[in-house]
Amino acid sequence: MVRSRSLLLSGALLLAPLAPAASQDALPSGREVIDRFIEAIGGADAIKAQGGRHMMGSFAIPAQGIGGSLDVYAQPPNKMLVKVSLQGIGEIMTGYDGTTAWALNPMIGPQVLDSTQLRQLQQQADFYSSLYPDTQIAALETVGTETFEGAACYNVKVTTTWGETYNEFFSTETGLQMGSRRKQESPMGAVEIVAVSSDWRVVEGMKVPFKSVQRTMGIEQIITVDSVSVVSVPDSMFALPPEIQALLKK
């Protein structure tokens, strides 16, 4: 769910740091970088053993003086609900119930997501997306090393099964994902988002980033996680809001 994201390692065994590649031929393959990341956050078995989660925290856009609370609910294999309550704006929600992807925004209105927006949200909602499954990922290619947010990283080009490509950055020292550069579909069209993940902490056998920063069109959005609870989230939490049900009936 939270790969940098979304959106956990008790005694995880980090592999020994890999030396920065001296040449393109010396680079590890994309799959090798991802396999090292999986081990760094706890291993495939720990990922598969995870139950539902409830994450609580805060959301802020400092430059605009906007802030509020954040709640994220997730249940295997692919259900998710994100609630952001912003002062002076109201509640913004995004969800996926295993079939329908949707968004509710008081400034835009209700939306049923389709096309690339649907696929991107399906990927985010997949509880096991950190394994980079073949159902989502068609190819992984390490295209080089570069400094990302002050850290030496492997730059991995990701190609999805629906034809989208984007780049993710993994620390050459720890194997953890430092962030990504990706075009996100939105009501304004495709916008490039640079996402940065940090403050990785152990939660029930896995590591999860407790801070995420997204930068797009000169605006910085900051997500800070205060707590992560491992719980069984009832299906009723992911029920479609009446506004979305009304759209589907049209």
Protein backbone atom coordinates (compact mmCIF):
# COMPACT_ATOMS: atom_id res chain seq x y z
CA MET A 1 0.00 0.00 0.00
CA VAL A 2 2.62 2.53 1.00
CA ARG A 3 5.63 1.63 -0.95
CA SER A 4 7.55 4.74 -0.19
CA ARG A 5 4.31 4.50 0.06
CA SER A 6 0.86 4.81 1.12
CA LEU A 7 2.64 3.15 3.10
CA LEU A 8 6.72 -1.46 8.10
CA LEU A 9 10.59 -4.47 10.33
CA SER A 10 11.47 -6.07 13.42
CA GLY A 11 15.09 -7.06 13.27
CA ALA A 12 15.29 -6.64 9.51
CA LEU A 13 18.60 -7.72 8.06
CA LEU A 14 19.88 -4.97 5.82
CA LEU A 15 22.27 -6.20 3.19
CA ALA A 16 25.79 -4.84 3.23
CA PRO A 17 26.04 -1.46 1.48
CA LEU A 18 26.71 -1.71 -2.22
CA ALA A 19 29.51 0.43 -3.54
CA PRO A 20 28.48 3.05 -6.10
CA ALA A 21 28.78 1.59 -9.57
CA ALA A 22 32.00 2.43 -11.38
CA SER A 23 30.45 1.88 -14.78
CA GLN A 24 27.12 1.15 -16.40
CA ASP A 25 28.09 -2.56 -16.71
CA ALA A 26 28.62 -2.77 -12.93
CA LEU A 27 25.12 -1.63 -12.06
CA PRO A 28 22.84 -4.14 -10.34
CA SER A 29 19.76 -5.05 -12.33
CA GLY A 30 16.47 -3.38 -11.57
CA ARG A 31 15.14 -6.57 -10.02
CA GLU A 32 18.25 -6.86 -7.83
CA VAL A 33 17.71 -3.33 -6.52
CA ILE A 34 14.05 -4.11 -5.78
CA ASP A 35 14.89 -7.43 -4.10
CA ARG A 36 17.35 -5.59 -1.86
CA PHE A 37 14.65 -3.03 -1.03
CA ILE A 38 12.23 -5.83 -0.11
CA GLU A 39 14.82 -7.30 2.27
CA ALA A 40 15.54 -3.86 3.71
CA ILE A 41 11.92 -3.33 4.76
CA GLY A 42 11.55 -6.80 6.26
CA GLY A 43 11.41 -9.39 3.51
CA ALA A 44 8.70 -10.88 1.31
CA ASP A 45 7.30 -13.15 4.04
CA ALA A 46 6.84 -10.19 6.40
CA ILE A 47 5.09 -8.20 3.68
CA LYS A 48 2.72 -11.07 2.89
CA ALA A 49 1.96 -11.58 6.60
CA GLN A 50 0.74 -8.03 7.16
CA GLY A 51 -2.84 -7.38 8.24
CA GLY A 52 -4.97 -4.28 7.93
CA ARG A 53 -3.62 -0.87 8.93
CA HIS A 54 -4.82 2.47 10.22
CA MET A 55 -2.34 5.33 9.86
CA MET A 56 -2.93 8.68 11.55
CA GLY A 57 -1.00 11.87 11.02
CA SER A 58 -1.03 15.33 9.54
CA PHE A 59 -1.07 16.93 6.10
CA ALA A 60 0.33 20.38 5.38
CA ILE A 61 0.99 22.79 2.52
CA PRO A 62 3.24 25.29 4.34
CA ALA A 63 3.46 27.87 1.54
CA GLN A 64 -0.32 28.27 1.54
CA GLY A 65 -0.80 28.02 5.28
CA ILE A 66 -2.99 24.95 4.84
CA GLY A 67 -2.96 22.02 7.24
CA GLY A 68 -5.08 19.35 8.83
CA SER A 69 -5.39 15.73 9.89
CA LEU A 70 -4.77 12.57 7.88
CA ASP A 71 -6.29 9.11 8.25
CA VAL A 72 -5.40 6.16 6.00
CA TYR A 73 -7.19 2.82 6.24
CA ALA A 74 -5.98 -0.23 4.32
CA GLN A 75 -7.08 -3.85 4.24
CA PRO A 76 -5.59 -6.73 2.21
CA PRO A 77 -5.59 -7.44 -0.58
CA ASN A 78 -6.55 -4.12 -2.19
CA LYS A 79 -8.88 -1.84 -0.21
CA MET A 80 -7.92 1.67 0.81
CA LEU A 81 -9.47 4.86 2.17
CA VAL A 82 -7.62 8.17 2.61
CA LYS A 83 -9.22 11.04 4.54
CA VAL A 84 -7.67 14.50 4.75
CA SER A 85 -9.50 17.10 6.85
CA LEU A 86 -8.26 20.60 6.02
CA GLN A 87 -9.09 23.73 7.97
CA GLY A 88 -11.26 26.07 5.96
CA ILE A 89 -11.70 23.57 3.11
CA GLY A 90 -13.32 20.46 4.53
CA GLU A 91 -12.77 16.75 4.09
CA ILE A 92 -11.06 15.35 1.01
CA MET A 93 -11.41 11.59 0.51
CA THR A 94 -9.99 9.05 -1.92
CA GLY A 95 -10.89 5.38 -1.89
CA TYR A 96 -10.82 2.00 -3.58
CA ASP A 97 -13.16 -0.80 -2.55
CA GLY A 98 -11.55 -3.47 -4.73
CA THR A 99 -13.64 -2.48 -7.75
CA THR A 100 -14.31 1.26 -7.90
CA ALA A 101 -11.76 4.05 -7.49
CA TRP A 102 -13.21 7.38 -6.44
CA ALA A 103 -12.48 10.81 -4.99
CA LEU A 104 -14.52 13.38 -3.07
CA ASN A 105 -13.22 16.93 -2.96
CA PRO A 106 -15.35 19.90 -1.84
CA MET A 107 -13.57 22.09 -4.40
CA ILE A 108 -14.11 19.70 -7.34
CA GLY A 109 -17.01 17.45 -6.39
CA PRO A 110 -17.36 13.66 -6.56
CA GLN A 111 -15.38 11.69 -9.15
CA VAL A 112 -15.28 8.08 -10.28
CA LEU A 113 -11.74 7.50 -11.49
CA ASP A 114 -10.91 5.66 -14.70
CA SER A 115 -8.07 5.14 -17.16
CA THR A 116 -4.60 5.94 -15.75
CA GLN A 117 -6.03 7.48 -12.57
CA LEU A 118 -7.78 4.18 -11.87
CA ARG A 119 -4.64 2.11 -12.49
CA GLN A 120 -2.48 4.37 -10.32
CA LEU A 121 -4.93 4.19 -7.43
CA GLN A 122 -5.27 0.42 -7.83
CA GLN A 123 -1.50 0.16 -7.54
CA GLN A 124 -1.45 2.36 -4.45
CA ALA A 125 -4.25 0.34 -2.84
CA ASP A 126 -2.55 -3.01 -3.51
CA PHE A 127 -1.42 -4.15 -0.06
CA TYR A 128 1.48 -6.08 -1.56
CA SER A 129 2.67 -3.58 -4.17
CA SER A 130 6.04 -3.40 -2.38
CA LEU A 131 6.77 -6.79 -3.96
CA TYR A 132 6.51 -5.19 -7.44
CA PRO A 133 4.28 -8.01 -8.77
CA ASP A 134 4.20 -9.02 -12.43
CA THR A 135 0.52 -8.07 -12.56
CA GLN A 136 1.58 -4.42 -12.16
CA ILE A 137 5.21 -4.22 -13.27
CA ALA A 138 6.32 -5.16 -16.77
CA ALA A 139 9.98 -4.13 -16.51
CA LEU A 140 12.58 -2.76 -14.07
CA GLU A 141 15.78 -1.16 -15.36
CA THR A 142 18.59 0.43 -13.38
CA VAL A 143 19.51 3.39 -15.57
CA GLY A 144 22.32 4.79 -13.41
CA THR A 145 23.33 6.24 -10.07
CA GLU A 146 22.65 9.80 -9.01
CA THR A 147 22.30 11.99 -5.96
CA PHE A 148 18.66 12.22 -4.88
CA GLU A 149 17.85 14.44 -1.90
CA GLY A 150 21.50 14.40 -0.89
CA ALA A 151 21.89 10.61 -0.96
CA ALA A 152 23.64 8.35 -3.48
CA CYS A 153 20.89 6.32 -5.15
CA TYR A 154 20.22 3.80 -7.86
CA ASN A 155 17.80 5.25 -10.40
CA VAL A 156 15.38 2.50 -11.43
CA LYS A 157 13.08 3.02 -14.41
CA VAL A 158 9.76 1.29 -13.76
CA THR A 159 7.47 0.26 -16.61
CA THR A 160 3.94 -0.77 -15.65
CA THR A 161 1.74 -3.34 -17.34
CA TRP A 162 -0.46 -0.48 -18.61
CA GLY A 163 2.47 1.24 -20.34
CA GLU A 164 3.33 3.99 -17.84
CA THR A 165 6.99 4.68 -17.03
CA TYR A 166 8.48 6.51 -14.03
CA ASN A 167 11.64 6.57 -11.93
CA GLU A 168 12.27 5.44 -8.37
CA PHE A 169 15.39 6.06 -6.29
CA PHE A 170 16.93 3.60 -3.83
CA SER A 171 19.78 4.33 -1.44
CA THR A 172 23.00 2.57 -2.44
CA GLU A 173 23.82 2.39 1.28
CA THR A 174 20.63 1.07 2.92
CA GLY A 175 18.57 -0.23 0.02
CA LEU A 176 15.56 1.82 1.16
CA GLN A 177 13.50 3.81 -1.29
CA MET A 178 14.34 7.50 -1.04
CA GLY A 179 11.63 8.66 -3.41
CA SER A 180 10.30 8.81 -6.94
CA ARG A 181 9.67 11.05 -9.93
CA ARG A 182 6.36 10.33 -11.64
CA LYS A 183 3.57 11.97 -13.61
CA GLN A 184 0.31 11.71 -11.68
CA GLU A 185 -3.02 11.96 -13.43
CA SER A 186 -5.26 14.67 -11.94
CA PRO A 187 -8.26 16.84 -12.84
CA MET A 188 -5.70 19.28 -14.29
CA GLY A 189 -4.12 16.57 -16.43
CA ALA A 190 -0.82 14.80 -15.87
CA VAL A 191 1.47 16.65 -13.43
CA GLU A 192 4.98 15.61 -12.44
CA ILE A 193 5.39 14.84 -8.77
CA VAL A 194 8.68 14.37 -6.99
CA ALA A 195 8.03 12.31 -3.85
CA VAL A 196 10.53 11.97 -1.01
CA SER A 197 10.31 9.30 1.71
CA SER A 198 12.17 9.42 5.04
CA ASP A 199 12.06 8.58 8.74
CA TRP A 200 11.65 4.84 8.16
CA ARG A 201 10.54 3.06 11.34
CA VAL A 202 9.74 -0.49 12.38
CA VAL A 203 6.04 -1.35 12.67
CA GLU A 204 4.98 -4.96 13.30
CA GLY A 205 7.88 -6.57 11.44
CA MET A 206 8.25 -4.07 8.59
CA LYS A 207 9.66 -0.63 7.94
CA VAL A 208 7.40 2.21 6.86
CA PRO A 209 8.28 5.86 6.12
CA PHE A 210 6.83 8.21 8.74
CA LYS A 211 7.44 11.28 6.59
CA SER A 212 6.60 11.90 2.94
CA VAL A 213 7.07 15.08 0.94
CA GLN A 214 5.53 15.68 -2.48
CA ARG A 215 6.61 18.53 -4.72
CA THR A 216 4.62 19.57 -7.77
CA MET A 217 4.27 22.82 -9.70
CA GLY A 218 6.38 24.61 -7.09
CA ILE A 219 4.18 23.50 -4.18
CA GLU A 220 5.36 21.26 -1.37
CA GLN A 221 2.96 18.95 0.47
CA ILE A 222 4.13 17.29 3.67
CA ILE A 223 2.66 14.15 5.23
CA THR A 224 3.77 13.26 8.75
CA VAL A 225 2.66 9.95 10.25
CA ASP A 226 2.04 10.00 14.01
CA SER A 227 0.93 6.40 14.52
CA VAL A 228 0.37 3.14 12.64
CA SER A 229 -2.00 0.55 14.09
CA VAL A 230 -2.22 -2.98 12.73
CA VAL A 231 -5.95 -3.74 12.81
CA SER A 232 -8.61 -5.57 10.85
CA VAL A 233 -10.51 -2.83 9.06
CA PRO A 234 -14.20 -3.71 8.41
CA ASP A 235 -15.49 -3.69 4.84
CA SER A 236 -18.00 -1.01 5.85
CA MET A 237 -15.12 1.47 6.07
CA PHE A 238 -14.60 1.13 2.30
CA ALA A 239 -18.26 1.41 1.31
CA LEU A 240 -18.87 3.86 -1.54
CA PRO A 241 -20.20 7.27 -0.36
CA PRO A 242 -23.73 8.16 -1.51
CA GLU A 243 -22.35 10.80 -3.91
CA ILE A 244 -20.24 8.15 -5.68
CA GLN A 245 -23.11 5.66 -5.78
CA ALA A 246 -25.23 8.34 -7.43
CA LEU A 247 -22.59 8.88 -10.13
CA LEU A 248 -22.42 5.17 -10.86
CA LYS A 249 -26.19 5.01 -11.36
CA LYS A 250 -26.12 7.70 -14.04
